[in-house]
Amino acid sequence: QVQLVESGGGLVQPGGSLRLSCVASGVFHRIYFMGWYRQAPGEQRELVASITSGGITNYSDSVKGRFTISRGDAVNTIYLQMNIVKPEDTAIYYCNADGRFGHWGQGTQVTVSS
């Protein structure tokens, strides 16, 4: 059973930075696709950034140039470095493995507010 555990959310001021982490357990191979999604109140869950096992990244237009997704040294660990955050980045951020029909973490709240 694949389990994903996120950490690093919290309250940050506009223009600040935050780093999210996600560790996958219960899997003994390198997961091909891992990503970060977010869901704001009343909105649909949307893909923020993704990374393949080969290091190919993809970003939504709303975060391109501000957020960076990366893989850690440990197998199946990913990070989301969030810079120059905006109030509209406020959402619950979910770690994902293997796409929308794959596996999800429990989510971590990110609130951008002064």
PDB file of N, CA and C in Angstrom:
ATOM      1  N   GLN A   1       0.847  -1.183   0.000  1.00  0.00           N
ATOM      2  CA  GLN A   1       0.000   0.000   0.000  1.00  0.00           C
ATOM      3  C   GLN A   1       0.891   1.244   0.000  1.00  0.00           C
ATOM      4  N   VAL A   2       0.753   2.055  -1.041  1.00  0.00           N
ATOM      5  CA  VAL A   2       1.550   3.270  -1.139  1.00  0.00           C
ATOM      6  C   VAL A   2       0.975   4.322  -0.205  1.00  0.00           C
ATOM      7  N   GLN A   3       1.821   4.930   0.579  1.00  0.00           N
ATOM      8  CA  GLN A   3       1.403   6.027   1.445  1.00  0.00           C
ATOM      9  C   GLN A   3       2.270   7.249   1.162  1.00  0.00           C
ATOM     10  N   LEU A   4       1.621   8.390   1.087  1.00  0.00           N
ATOM     11  CA  LEU A   4       2.310   9.653   0.847  1.00  0.00           C
ATOM     12  C   LEU A   4       2.089  10.561   2.051  1.00  0.00           C
ATOM     13  N   VAL A   5       3.154  11.140   2.555  1.00  0.00           N
ATOM     14  CA  VAL A   5       3.060  12.025   3.717  1.00  0.00           C
ATOM     15  C   VAL A   5       3.702  13.357   3.377  1.00  0.00           C
ATOM     16  N   GLU A   6       2.879  14.414   3.458  1.00  0.00           N
ATOM     17  CA  GLU A   6       3.370  15.753   3.180  1.00  0.00           C
ATOM     18  C   GLU A   6       3.740  16.471   4.475  1.00  0.00           C
ATOM     19  N   SER A   7       4.612  17.450   4.353  1.00  0.00           N
ATOM     20  CA  SER A   7       4.945  18.310   5.479  1.00  0.00           C
ATOM     21  C   SER A   7       5.424  19.652   4.939  1.00  0.00           C
ATOM     22  N   GLY A   8       5.452  20.655   5.816  1.00  0.00           N
ATOM     23  CA  GLY A   8       6.009  21.938   5.438  1.00  0.00           C
ATOM     24  C   GLY A   8       5.015  23.049   5.208  1.00  0.00           C
ATOM     25  N   GLY A   9       3.729  22.761   5.285  1.00  0.00           N
ATOM     26  CA  GLY A   9       2.746  23.819   5.093  1.00  0.00           C
ATOM     27  C   GLY A   9       2.714  24.772   6.274  1.00  0.00           C
ATOM     28  N   GLY A  10       1.951  25.842   6.115  1.00  0.00           N
ATOM     29  CA  GLY A  10       1.824  26.808   7.186  1.00  0.00           C
ATOM     30  C   GLY A  10       1.391  28.157   6.690  1.00  0.00           C
ATOM     31  N   LEU A  11       1.595  29.152   7.528  1.00  0.00           N
ATOM     32  CA  LEU A  11       1.239  30.538   7.210  1.00  0.00           C
ATOM     33  C   LEU A  11       2.483  31.279   6.753  1.00  0.00           C
ATOM     34  N   VAL A  12       2.368  31.983   5.643  1.00  0.00           N
ATOM     35  CA  VAL A  12       3.501  32.741   5.101  1.00  0.00           C
ATOM     36  C   VAL A  12       2.976  34.057   4.568  1.00  0.00           C
ATOM     37  N   GLN A  13       3.782  35.094   4.663  1.00  0.00           N
ATOM     38  CA  GLN A  13       3.382  36.406   4.167  1.00  0.00           C
ATOM     39  C   GLN A  13       3.559  36.492   2.657  1.00  0.00           C
ATOM     40  N   PRO A  14       2.770  37.312   2.017  1.00  0.00           N
ATOM     41  CA  PRO A  14       2.961  37.520   0.573  1.00  0.00           C
ATOM     42  C   PRO A  14       4.398  37.930   0.263  1.00  0.00           C
ATOM     43  N   GLY A  15       4.939  37.314  -0.785  1.00  0.00           N
ATOM     44  CA  GLY A  15       6.326  37.573  -1.159  1.00  0.00           C
ATOM     45  C   GLY A  15       7.316  36.662  -0.486  1.00  0.00           C
ATOM     46  N   GLY A  16       6.858  35.884   0.466  1.00  0.00           N
ATOM     47  CA  GLY A  16       7.736  34.985   1.201  1.00  0.00           C
ATOM     48  C   GLY A  16       7.937  33.654   0.512  1.00  0.00           C
ATOM     49  N   SER A  17       8.579  32.727   1.245  1.00  0.00           N
ATOM     50  CA  SER A  17       8.902  31.421   0.703  1.00  0.00           C
ATOM     51  C   SER A  17       8.477  30.319   1.657  1.00  0.00           C
ATOM     52  N   LEU A  18       8.273  29.156   1.087  1.00  0.00           N
ATOM     53  CA  LEU A  18       7.882  27.977   1.855  1.00  0.00           C
ATOM     54  C   LEU A  18       8.345  26.763   1.072  1.00  0.00           C
ATOM     55  N   ARG A  19       8.719  25.701   1.775  1.00  0.00           N
ATOM     56  CA  ARG A  19       9.089  24.463   1.088  1.00  0.00           C
ATOM     57  C   ARG A  19       8.254  23.310   1.617  1.00  0.00           C
ATOM     58  N   LEU A  20       7.611  22.621   0.691  1.00  0.00           N
ATOM     59  CA  LEU A  20       6.829  21.434   1.021  1.00  0.00           C
ATOM     60  C   LEU A  20       7.646  20.182   0.713  1.00  0.00           C
ATOM     61  N   SER A  21       7.434  19.156   1.521  1.00  0.00           N
ATOM     62  CA  SER A  21       8.103  17.878   1.316  1.00  0.00           C
ATOM     63  C   SER A  21       7.068  16.761   1.235  1.00  0.00           C
ATOM     64  N   CYS A  22       7.407  15.732   0.514  1.00  0.00           N
ATOM     65  CA  CYS A  22       6.529  14.559   0.409  1.00  0.00           C
ATOM     66  C   CYS A  22       7.397  13.305   0.341  1.00  0.00           C
ATOM     67  N   VAL A  23       7.070  12.354   1.192  1.00  0.00           N
ATOM     68  CA  VAL A  23       7.772  11.070   1.205  1.00  0.00           C
ATOM     69  C   VAL A  23       6.774   9.960   0.913  1.00  0.00           C
ATOM     70  N   ALA A  24       7.103   9.118  -0.042  1.00  0.00           N
ATOM     71  CA  ALA A  24       6.271   7.965  -0.372  1.00  0.00           C
ATOM     72  C   ALA A  24       6.874   6.716   0.249  1.00  0.00           C
ATOM     73  N   SER A  25       6.025   5.914   0.867  1.00  0.00           N
ATOM     74  CA  SER A  25       6.473   4.642   1.431  1.00  0.00           C
ATOM     75  C   SER A  25       5.594   3.519   0.912  1.00  0.00           C
ATOM     76  N   GLY A  26       6.037   2.280   1.135  1.00  0.00           N
ATOM     77  CA  GLY A  26       5.262   1.134   0.695  1.00  0.00           C
ATOM     78  C   GLY A  26       5.441   0.798  -0.770  1.00  0.00           C
ATOM     79  N   VAL A  27       6.437   1.390  -1.387  1.00  0.00           N
ATOM     80  CA  VAL A  27       6.714   1.104  -2.793  1.00  0.00           C
ATOM     81  C   VAL A  27       8.197   0.862  -2.933  1.00  0.00           C
ATOM     82  N   PHE A  28       8.563  -0.128  -3.752  1.00  0.00           N
ATOM     83  CA  PHE A  28       9.957  -0.558  -3.810  1.00  0.00           C
ATOM     84  C   PHE A  28      10.582  -0.336  -5.175  1.00  0.00           C
ATOM     85  N   HIS A  29       9.951   0.546  -5.944  1.00  0.00           N
ATOM     86  CA  HIS A  29      10.554   0.955  -7.195  1.00  0.00           C
ATOM     87  C   HIS A  29      10.455   2.477  -7.276  1.00  0.00           C
ATOM     88  N   ARG A  30      11.189   3.059  -8.200  1.00  0.00           N
ATOM     89  CA  ARG A  30      11.154   4.503  -8.351  1.00  0.00           C
ATOM     90  C   ARG A  30       9.856   4.883  -9.063  1.00  0.00           C
ATOM     91  N   ILE A  31       9.054   5.684  -8.416  1.00  0.00           N
ATOM     92  CA  ILE A  31       7.772   6.089  -8.992  1.00  0.00           C
ATOM     93  C   ILE A  31       8.022   6.997 -10.187  1.00  0.00           C
ATOM     94  N   TYR A  32       7.405   6.686 -11.314  1.00  0.00           N
ATOM     95  CA  TYR A  32       7.657   7.459 -12.525  1.00  0.00           C
ATOM     96  C   TYR A  32       7.154   8.902 -12.415  1.00  0.00           C
ATOM     97  N   PHE A  33       5.916   9.073 -11.993  1.00  0.00           N
ATOM     98  CA  PHE A  33       5.295  10.398 -11.960  1.00  0.00           C
ATOM     99  C   PHE A  33       4.947  10.753 -10.522  1.00  0.00           C
ATOM    100  N   MET A  34       5.437  11.906 -10.071  1.00  0.00           N
ATOM    101  CA  MET A  34       5.026  12.451  -8.785  1.00  0.00           C
ATOM    102  C   MET A  34       4.741  13.929  -8.981  1.00  0.00           C
ATOM    103  N   GLY A  35       3.803  14.423  -8.218  1.00  0.00           N
ATOM    104  CA  GLY A  35       3.455  15.823  -8.414  1.00  0.00           C
ATOM    105  C   GLY A  35       2.783  16.438  -7.211  1.00  0.00           C
ATOM    106  N   TRP A  36       2.562  17.717  -7.319  1.00  0.00           N
ATOM    107  CA  TRP A  36       1.836  18.494  -6.321  1.00  0.00           C
ATOM    108  C   TRP A  36       0.588  19.078  -6.963  1.00  0.00           C
ATOM    109  N   TYR A  37      -0.539  18.857  -6.315  1.00  0.00           N
ATOM    110  CA  TYR A  37      -1.797  19.459  -6.696  1.00  0.00           C
ATOM    111  C   TYR A  37      -2.222  20.390  -5.557  1.00  0.00           C
ATOM    112  N   ARG A  38      -3.149  21.280  -5.847  1.00  0.00           N
ATOM    113  CA  ARG A  38      -3.711  22.115  -4.789  1.00  0.00           C
ATOM    114  C   ARG A  38      -5.202  22.321  -5.020  1.00  0.00           C
ATOM    115  N   GLN A  39      -5.881  22.571  -3.925  1.00  0.00           N
ATOM    116  CA  GLN A  39      -7.319  22.811  -4.002  1.00  0.00           C
ATOM    117  C   GLN A  39      -7.680  23.930  -3.030  1.00  0.00           C
ATOM    118  N   ALA A  40      -8.189  25.017  -3.590  1.00  0.00           N
ATOM    119  CA  ALA A  40      -8.658  26.138  -2.796  1.00  0.00           C
ATOM    120  C   ALA A  40     -10.147  25.947  -2.516  1.00  0.00           C
ATOM    121  N   PRO A  41     -10.681  26.588  -1.479  1.00  0.00           N
ATOM    122  CA  PRO A  41     -12.113  26.449  -1.167  1.00  0.00           C
ATOM    123  C   PRO A  41     -12.987  26.803  -2.365  1.00  0.00           C
ATOM    124  N   GLY A  42     -13.917  25.913  -2.683  1.00  0.00           N
ATOM    125  CA  GLY A  42     -14.832  26.151  -3.785  1.00  0.00           C
ATOM    126  C   GLY A  42     -14.255  25.945  -5.164  1.00  0.00           C
ATOM    127  N   GLU A  43     -13.006  25.500  -5.227  1.00  0.00           N
ATOM    128  CA  GLU A  43     -12.339  25.311  -6.509  1.00  0.00           C
ATOM    129  C   GLU A  43     -12.049  23.827  -6.746  1.00  0.00           C
ATOM    130  N   GLN A  44     -11.776  23.499  -8.001  1.00  0.00           N
ATOM    131  CA  GLN A  44     -11.373  22.138  -8.329  1.00  0.00           C
ATOM    132  C   GLN A  44      -9.889  21.946  -8.010  1.00  0.00           C
ATOM    133  N   ARG A  45      -9.532  20.701  -7.766  1.00  0.00           N
ATOM    134  CA  ARG A  45      -8.128  20.392  -7.533  1.00  0.00           C
ATOM    135  C   ARG A  45      -7.366  20.572  -8.850  1.00  0.00           C
ATOM    136  N   GLU A  46      -6.227  21.242  -8.777  1.00  0.00           N
ATOM    137  CA  GLU A  46      -5.464  21.513  -9.987  1.00  0.00           C
ATOM    138  C   GLU A  46      -4.012  21.091  -9.804  1.00  0.00           C
ATOM    139  N   LEU A  47      -3.402  20.709 -10.928  1.00  0.00           N
ATOM    140  CA  LEU A  47      -1.987  20.342 -10.913  1.00  0.00           C
ATOM    141  C   LEU A  47      -1.142  21.601 -10.809  1.00  0.00           C
ATOM    142  N   VAL A  48      -0.224  21.601  -9.859  1.00  0.00           N
ATOM    143  CA  VAL A  48       0.684  22.729  -9.682  1.00  0.00           C
ATOM    144  C   VAL A  48       2.010  22.448 -10.382  1.00  0.00           C
ATOM    145  N   ALA A  49       2.569  21.275 -10.097  1.00  0.00           N
ATOM    146  CA  ALA A  49       3.862  20.915 -10.677  1.00  0.00           C
ATOM    147  C   ALA A  49       4.023  19.410 -10.625  1.00  0.00           C
ATOM    148  N   SER A  50       4.774  18.875 -11.583  1.00  0.00           N
ATOM    149  CA  SER A  50       5.030  17.440 -11.607  1.00  0.00           C
ATOM    150  C   SER A  50       6.462  17.178 -12.035  1.00  0.00           C
ATOM    151  N   ILE A  51       6.920  15.976 -11.715  1.00  0.00           N
ATOM    152  CA  ILE A  51       8.273  15.587 -12.086  1.00  0.00           C
ATOM    153  C   ILE A  51       8.296  14.097 -12.357  1.00  0.00           C
ATOM    154  N   THR A  52       9.004  13.694 -13.395  1.00  0.00           N
ATOM    155  CA  THR A  52       9.125  12.282 -13.707  1.00  0.00           C
ATOM    156  C   THR A  52      10.386  11.716 -13.064  1.00  0.00           C
ATOM    157  N   SER A  53      10.516  10.408 -13.127  1.00  0.00           N
ATOM    158  CA  SER A  53      11.707   9.780 -12.564  1.00  0.00           C
ATOM    159  C   SER A  53      12.965  10.211 -13.307  1.00  0.00           C
ATOM    160  N   GLY A  54      12.794  10.660 -14.545  1.00  0.00           N
ATOM    161  CA  GLY A  54      13.927  11.136 -15.325  1.00  0.00           C
ATOM    162  C   GLY A  54      14.217  12.611 -15.127  1.00  0.00           C
ATOM    163  N   GLY A  55      13.409  13.267 -14.295  1.00  0.00           N
ATOM    164  CA  GLY A  55      13.660  14.669 -13.975  1.00  0.00           C
ATOM    165  C   GLY A  55      12.946  15.682 -14.858  1.00  0.00           C
ATOM    166  N   ILE A  56      12.044  15.201 -15.698  1.00  0.00           N
ATOM    167  CA  ILE A  56      11.278  16.127 -16.541  1.00  0.00           C
ATOM    168  C   ILE A  56      10.205  16.787 -15.685  1.00  0.00           C
ATOM    169  N   THR A  57      10.164  18.112 -15.713  1.00  0.00           N
ATOM    170  CA  THR A  57       9.231  18.862 -14.879  1.00  0.00           C
ATOM    171  C   THR A  57       8.172  19.561 -15.714  1.00  0.00           C
ATOM    172  N   ASN A  58       7.067  19.840 -15.061  1.00  0.00           N
ATOM    173  CA  ASN A  58       5.973  20.553 -15.693  1.00  0.00           C
ATOM    174  C   ASN A  58       5.325  21.434 -14.634  1.00  0.00           C
ATOM    175  N   TYR A  59       4.954  22.663 -15.034  1.00  0.00           N
ATOM    176  CA  TYR A  59       4.370  23.609 -14.092  1.00  0.00           C
ATOM    177  C   TYR A  59       3.106  24.234 -14.664  1.00  0.00           C
ATOM    178  N   SER A  60       2.187  24.574 -13.780  1.00  0.00           N
ATOM    179  CA  SER A  60       1.045  25.357 -14.223  1.00  0.00           C
ATOM    180  C   SER A  60       1.531  26.779 -14.503  1.00  0.00           C
ATOM    181  N   ASP A  61       0.844  27.466 -15.382  1.00  0.00           N
ATOM    182  CA  ASP A  61       1.247  28.828 -15.738  1.00  0.00           C
ATOM    183  C   ASP A  61       1.236  29.753 -14.529  1.00  0.00           C
ATOM    184  N   SER A  62       0.351  29.484 -13.587  1.00  0.00           N
ATOM    185  CA  SER A  62       0.202  30.387 -12.441  1.00  0.00           C
ATOM    186  C   SER A  62       1.400  30.351 -11.485  1.00  0.00           C
ATOM    187  N   VAL A  63       2.209  29.302 -11.545  1.00  0.00           N
ATOM    188  CA  VAL A  63       3.339  29.193 -10.625  1.00  0.00           C
ATOM    189  C   VAL A  63       4.682  29.174 -11.341  1.00  0.00           C
ATOM    190  N   LYS A  64       4.660  29.136 -12.647  1.00  0.00           N
ATOM    191  CA  LYS A  64       5.897  29.046 -13.413  1.00  0.00           C
ATOM    192  C   LYS A  64       6.798  30.235 -13.085  1.00  0.00           C
ATOM    193  N   GLY A  65       8.060  29.948 -12.797  1.00  0.00           N
ATOM    194  CA  GLY A  65       9.007  31.001 -12.450  1.00  0.00           C
ATOM    195  C   GLY A  65       9.057  31.310 -10.972  1.00  0.00           C
ATOM    196  N   ARG A  66       8.087  30.807 -10.202  1.00  0.00           N
ATOM    197  CA  ARG A  66       8.053  31.056  -8.759  1.00  0.00           C
ATOM    198  C   ARG A  66       8.248  29.784  -7.950  1.00  0.00           C
ATOM    199  N   PHE A  67       7.703  28.686  -8.427  1.00  0.00           N
ATOM    200  CA  PHE A  67       7.781  27.405  -7.719  1.00  0.00           C
ATOM    201  C   PHE A  67       8.755  26.478  -8.445  1.00  0.00           C
ATOM    202  N   THR A  68       9.413  25.630  -7.660  1.00  0.00           N
ATOM    203  CA  THR A  68      10.321  24.640  -8.223  1.00  0.00           C
ATOM    204  C   THR A  68      10.068  23.288  -7.584  1.00  0.00           C
ATOM    205  N   ILE A  69       9.833  22.291  -8.420  1.00  0.00           N
ATOM    206  CA  ILE A  69       9.662  20.928  -7.935  1.00  0.00           C
ATOM    207  C   ILE A  69      10.975  20.189  -8.131  1.00  0.00           C
ATOM    208  N   SER A  70      11.318  19.341  -7.180  1.00  0.00           N
ATOM    209  CA  SER A  70      12.561  18.589  -7.288  1.00  0.00           C
ATOM    210  C   SER A  70      12.417  17.258  -6.574  1.00  0.00           C
ATOM    211  N   ARG A  71      13.305  16.343  -6.922  1.00  0.00           N
ATOM    212  CA  ARG A  71      13.356  15.046  -6.241  1.00  0.00           C
ATOM    213  C   ARG A  71      14.502  15.063  -5.233  1.00  0.00           C
ATOM    214  N   GLY A  72      14.283  14.410  -4.115  1.00  0.00           N
ATOM    215  CA  GLY A  72      15.317  14.325  -3.106  1.00  0.00           C
ATOM    216  C   GLY A  72      16.278  13.187  -3.367  1.00  0.00           C
ATOM    217  N   ASP A  73      17.315  13.113  -2.566  1.00  0.00           N
ATOM    218  CA  ASP A  73      18.275  12.019  -2.685  1.00  0.00           C
ATOM    219  C   ASP A  73      17.637  10.682  -2.343  1.00  0.00           C
ATOM    220  N   ALA A  74      16.715  10.709  -1.398  1.00  0.00           N
ATOM    221  CA  ALA A  74      16.013   9.480  -1.036  1.00  0.00           C
ATOM    222  C   ALA A  74      15.012   9.146  -2.136  1.00  0.00           C
ATOM    223  N   VAL A  75      14.874   7.864  -2.402  1.00  0.00           N
ATOM    224  CA  VAL A  75      13.950   7.425  -3.452  1.00  0.00           C
ATOM    225  C   VAL A  75      12.532   7.858  -3.104  1.00  0.00           C
ATOM    226  N   ASN A  76      11.836   8.381  -4.077  1.00  0.00           N
ATOM    227  CA  ASN A  76      10.413   8.724  -3.936  1.00  0.00           C
ATOM    228  C   ASN A  76      10.159   9.808  -2.895  1.00  0.00           C
ATOM    229  N   THR A  77      11.052  10.768  -2.853  1.00  0.00           N
ATOM    230  CA  THR A  77      10.863  11.983  -2.060  1.00  0.00           C
ATOM    231  C   THR A  77      10.866  13.164  -3.012  1.00  0.00           C
ATOM    232  N   ILE A  78       9.887  14.037  -2.855  1.00  0.00           N
ATOM    233  CA  ILE A  78       9.859  15.232  -3.685  1.00  0.00           C
ATOM    234  C   ILE A  78       9.655  16.468  -2.817  1.00  0.00           C
ATOM    235  N   TYR A  79      10.028  17.603  -3.389  1.00  0.00           N
ATOM    236  CA  TYR A  79       9.887  18.876  -2.712  1.00  0.00           C
ATOM    237  C   TYR A  79       9.200  19.876  -3.636  1.00  0.00           C
ATOM    238  N   LEU A  80       8.593  20.869  -3.030  1.00  0.00           N
ATOM    239  CA  LEU A  80       8.065  21.993  -3.781  1.00  0.00           C
ATOM    240  C   LEU A  80       8.565  23.262  -3.100  1.00  0.00           C
ATOM    241  N   GLN A  81       9.507  23.925  -3.737  1.00  0.00           N
ATOM    242  CA  GLN A  81      10.002  25.203  -3.234  1.00  0.00           C
ATOM    243  C   GLN A  81       9.096  26.300  -3.783  1.00  0.00           C
ATOM    244  N   MET A  82       8.465  27.019  -2.870  1.00  0.00           N
ATOM    245  CA  MET A  82       7.506  28.045  -3.246  1.00  0.00           C
ATOM    246  C   MET A  82       8.116  29.407  -2.905  1.00  0.00           C
ATOM    247  N   ASN A  83       8.372  30.204  -3.921  1.00  0.00           N
ATOM    248  CA  ASN A  83       8.941  31.538  -3.722  1.00  0.00           C
ATOM    249  C   ASN A  83       7.960  32.596  -4.218  1.00  0.00           C
ATOM    250  N   ILE A  84       8.139  33.791  -3.716  1.00  0.00           N
ATOM    251  CA  ILE A  84       7.293  34.938  -4.113  1.00  0.00           C
ATOM    252  C   ILE A  84       5.822  34.525  -4.062  1.00  0.00           C
ATOM    253  N   VAL A  85       5.415  33.961  -2.953  1.00  0.00           N
ATOM    254  CA  VAL A  85       4.045  33.458  -2.841  1.00  0.00           C
ATOM    255  C   VAL A  85       3.051  34.616  -2.848  1.00  0.00           C
ATOM    256  N   LYS A  86       1.860  34.289  -3.307  1.00  0.00           N
ATOM    257  CA  LYS A  86       0.778  35.271  -3.431  1.00  0.00           C
ATOM    258  C   LYS A  86      -0.439  34.769  -2.652  1.00  0.00           C
ATOM    259  N   PRO A  87      -1.344  35.658  -2.276  1.00  0.00           N
ATOM    260  CA  PRO A  87      -2.554  35.209  -1.569  1.00  0.00           C
ATOM    261  C   PRO A  87      -3.327  34.144  -2.352  1.00  0.00           C
ATOM    262  N   GLU A  88      -3.298  34.222  -3.654  1.00  0.00           N
ATOM    263  CA  GLU A  88      -4.019  33.226  -4.469  1.00  0.00           C
ATOM    264  C   GLU A  88      -3.349  31.849  -4.465  1.00  0.00           C
ATOM    265  N   ASP A  89      -2.194  31.726  -3.842  1.00  0.00           N
ATOM    266  CA  ASP A  89      -1.568  30.419  -3.664  1.00  0.00           C
ATOM    267  C   ASP A  89      -2.144  29.681  -2.456  1.00  0.00           C
ATOM    268  N   THR A  90      -2.981  30.358  -1.688  1.00  0.00           N
ATOM    269  CA  THR A  90      -3.591  29.727  -0.526  1.00  0.00           C
ATOM    270  C   THR A  90      -4.462  28.554  -0.944  1.00  0.00           C
ATOM    271  N   ALA A  91      -4.187  27.396  -0.363  1.00  0.00           N
ATOM    272  CA  ALA A  91      -4.902  26.170  -0.728  1.00  0.00           C
ATOM    273  C   ALA A  91      -4.386  25.021   0.128  1.00  0.00           C
ATOM    274  N   ILE A  92      -5.053  23.895   0.020  1.00  0.00           N
ATOM    275  CA  ILE A  92      -4.495  22.651   0.548  1.00  0.00           C
ATOM    276  C   ILE A  92      -3.668  22.036  -0.577  1.00  0.00           C
ATOM    277  N   TYR A  93      -2.446  21.710  -0.272  1.00  0.00           N
ATOM    278  CA  TYR A  93      -1.529  21.130  -1.257  1.00  0.00           C
ATOM    279  C   TYR A  93      -1.417  19.622  -1.019  1.00  0.00           C
ATOM    280  N   TYR A  94      -1.619  18.876  -2.101  1.00  0.00           N
ATOM    281  CA  TYR A  94      -1.610  17.418  -2.023  1.00  0.00           C
ATOM    282  C   TYR A  94      -0.455  16.850  -2.837  1.00  0.00           C
ATOM    283  N   CYS A  95       0.232  15.904  -2.249  1.00  0.00           N
ATOM    284  CA  CYS A  95       1.242  15.140  -2.974  1.00  0.00           C
ATOM    285  C   CYS A  95       0.549  14.004  -3.717  1.00  0.00           C
ATOM    286  N   ASN A  96       1.019  13.727  -4.901  1.00  0.00           N
ATOM    287  CA  ASN A  96       0.404  12.699  -5.736  1.00  0.00           C
ATOM    288  C   ASN A  96       1.472  11.812  -6.361  1.00  0.00           C
ATOM    289  N   ALA A  97       1.129  10.535  -6.466  1.00  0.00           N
ATOM    290  CA  ALA A  97       1.983   9.598  -7.186  1.00  0.00           C
ATOM    291  C   ALA A  97       1.139   8.876  -8.222  1.00  0.00           C
ATOM    292  N   ASP A  98       1.632   8.789  -9.438  1.00  0.00           N
ATOM    293  CA  ASP A  98       0.987   8.044 -10.523  1.00  0.00           C
ATOM    294  C   ASP A  98      -0.272   8.695 -11.054  1.00  0.00           C
ATOM    295  N   GLY A  99      -0.413  10.000 -10.909  1.00  0.00           N
ATOM    296  CA  GLY A  99      -1.507  10.707 -11.553  1.00  0.00           C
ATOM    297  C   GLY A  99      -2.803  10.694 -10.759  1.00  0.00           C
ATOM    298  N   ARG A 100      -3.830  11.319 -11.370  1.00  0.00           N
ATOM    299  CA  ARG A 100      -5.107  11.526 -10.679  1.00  0.00           C
ATOM    300  C   ARG A 100      -5.738  10.235 -10.184  1.00  0.00           C
ATOM    301  N   PHE A 101      -5.517   9.127 -10.851  1.00  0.00           N
ATOM    302  CA  PHE A 101      -6.100   7.858 -10.432  1.00  0.00           C
ATOM    303  C   PHE A 101      -5.108   7.034  -9.618  1.00  0.00           C
ATOM    304  N   GLY A 102      -4.054   7.694  -9.165  1.00  0.00           N
ATOM    305  CA  GLY A 102      -3.034   7.020  -8.386  1.00  0.00           C
ATOM    306  C   GLY A 102      -3.226   7.223  -6.902  1.00  0.00           C
ATOM    307  N   HIS A 103      -2.180   7.683  -6.234  1.00  0.00           N
ATOM    308  CA  HIS A 103      -2.167   7.761  -4.774  1.00  0.00           C
ATOM    309  C   HIS A 103      -2.032   9.210  -4.312  1.00  0.00           C
ATOM    310  N   TRP A 104      -2.673   9.506  -3.180  1.00  0.00           N
ATOM    311  CA  TRP A 104      -2.704  10.868  -2.660  1.00  0.00           C
ATOM    312  C   TRP A 104      -2.269  10.926  -1.205  1.00  0.00           C
ATOM    313  N   GLY A 105      -1.641  12.022  -0.848  1.00  0.00           N
ATOM    314  CA  GLY A 105      -1.374  12.298   0.541  1.00  0.00           C
ATOM    315  C   GLY A 105      -2.596  12.922   1.196  1.00  0.00           C
ATOM    316  N   GLN A 106      -2.463  13.216   2.472  1.00  0.00           N
ATOM    317  CA  GLN A 106      -3.596  13.766   3.216  1.00  0.00           C
ATOM    318  C   GLN A 106      -3.746  15.267   3.020  1.00  0.00           C
ATOM    319  N   GLY A 107      -2.723  15.898   2.470  1.00  0.00           N
ATOM    320  CA  GLY A 107      -2.777  17.333   2.206  1.00  0.00           C
ATOM    321  C   GLY A 107      -2.154  18.146   3.314  1.00  0.00           C
ATOM    322  N   THR A 108      -1.613  19.293   2.938  1.00  0.00           N
ATOM    323  CA  THR A 108      -1.055  20.223   3.914  1.00  0.00           C
ATOM    324  C   THR A 108      -1.528  21.632   3.549  1.00  0.00           C
ATOM    325  N   GLN A 109      -1.974  22.365   4.541  1.00  0.00           N
ATOM    326  CA  GLN A 109      -2.543  23.688   4.304  1.00  0.00           C
ATOM    327  C   GLN A 109      -1.437  24.719   4.129  1.00  0.00           C
ATOM    328  N   VAL A 110      -1.574  25.514   3.083  1.00  0.00           N
ATOM    329  CA  VAL A 110      -0.698  26.661   2.863  1.00  0.00           C
ATOM    330  C   VAL A 110      -1.576  27.903   2.840  1.00  0.00           C
ATOM    331  N   THR A 111      -1.272  28.842   3.700  1.00  0.00           N
ATOM    332  CA  THR A 111      -2.035  30.084   3.774  1.00  0.00           C
ATOM    333  C   THR A 111      -1.087  31.250   3.565  1.00  0.00           C
ATOM    334  N   VAL A 112      -1.386  32.070   2.564  1.00  0.00           N
ATOM    335  CA  VAL A 112      -0.572  33.243   2.271  1.00  0.00           C
ATOM    336  C   VAL A 112      -1.373  34.473   2.670  1.00  0.00           C
ATOM    337  N   SER A 113      -0.916  35.132   3.707  1.00  0.00           N
ATOM    338  CA  SER A 113      -1.659  36.267   4.239  1.00  0.00           C
ATOM    339  C   SER A 113      -0.730  37.140   5.078  1.00  0.00           C
ATOM    340  N   SER A 114      -1.016  38.428   5.072  1.00  0.00           N
ATOM    341  CA  SER A 114      -0.250  39.346   5.907  1.00  0.00           C
ATOM    342  C   SER A 114      -0.953  39.547   7.249  1.00  0.00           C
TER     343      SER A 114
END
